[in-house]
Amino acid sequence: MDTVHLDVAQGSALLDAPAHLSDYRTILDRTEELSLSPSDTRDLVCSIVAEL
């Protein structure tokens, strides 16, 4: 990751400082660790739809 693009109230911002990029890499890595697999996501969505 070389830059982070943010949409903010005042427009957009690009972050490219190593410290900022490191923070966002950490956040993305953690999000990936906590995310369901595609198959588990599909099963979850199907179970929710079946309950409707």
Protein backbone atom coordinates (compact mmCIF):
# COMPACT_ATOMS: atom_id res chain seq x y z
CA MET A 1 0.00 0.00 0.00
CA ASP A 2 1.52 3.29 -1.10
CA THR A 3 -1.32 5.68 -0.28
CA VAL A 4 -4.62 5.79 1.58
CA HIS A 5 -7.48 7.75 0.03
CA LEU A 6 -10.01 9.18 2.48
CA ASP A 7 -13.33 10.83 1.67
CA VAL A 8 -13.92 13.49 4.29
CA ALA A 9 -16.49 16.27 4.73
CA GLN A 10 -14.10 18.82 3.21
CA GLY A 11 -13.32 16.68 0.15
CA SER A 12 -10.72 13.97 -0.10
CA ALA A 13 -7.34 13.36 1.45
CA LEU A 14 -4.40 11.19 0.44
CA LEU A 15 -2.16 9.86 3.16
CA ASP A 16 1.29 8.61 2.27
CA ALA A 17 3.33 9.03 5.46
CA PRO A 18 4.84 5.73 6.60
CA ALA A 19 3.24 5.99 10.07
CA HIS A 20 -0.24 6.53 8.59
CA LEU A 21 0.21 3.67 6.13
CA SER A 22 1.36 1.38 8.91
CA ASP A 23 -1.78 2.21 10.92
CA TYR A 24 -4.04 1.44 7.97
CA ARG A 25 -2.17 -1.79 7.16
CA THR A 26 -2.74 -2.89 10.76
CA ILE A 27 -6.44 -2.05 10.53
CA LEU A 28 -6.84 -3.90 7.22
CA ASP A 29 -4.93 -6.93 8.48
CA ARG A 30 -7.11 -7.12 11.59
CA THR A 31 -10.28 -6.71 9.53
CA GLU A 32 -9.19 -9.56 7.27
CA GLU A 33 -8.49 -11.77 10.30
CA LEU A 34 -11.98 -11.12 11.71
CA SER A 35 -13.87 -11.45 8.43
CA LEU A 36 -15.87 -14.51 7.48
CA SER A 37 -14.73 -16.56 4.52
CA PRO A 38 -16.75 -16.14 1.30
CA SER A 39 -18.47 -19.46 1.96
CA ASP A 40 -19.32 -18.58 5.56
CA THR A 41 -20.58 -15.17 4.45
CA ARG A 42 -22.85 -16.78 1.86
CA ASP A 43 -24.18 -19.20 4.50
CA LEU A 44 -24.84 -16.34 6.92
CA VAL A 45 -26.70 -14.30 4.32
CA CYS A 46 -28.76 -17.31 3.28
CA SER A 47 -29.71 -18.04 6.89
CA ILE A 48 -30.77 -14.43 7.42
CA VAL A 49 -32.86 -14.46 4.23
CA ALA A 50 -34.50 -17.73 5.32
CA GLU A 51 -35.58 -16.08 8.57
CA LEU A 52 -37.37 -13.22 6.78
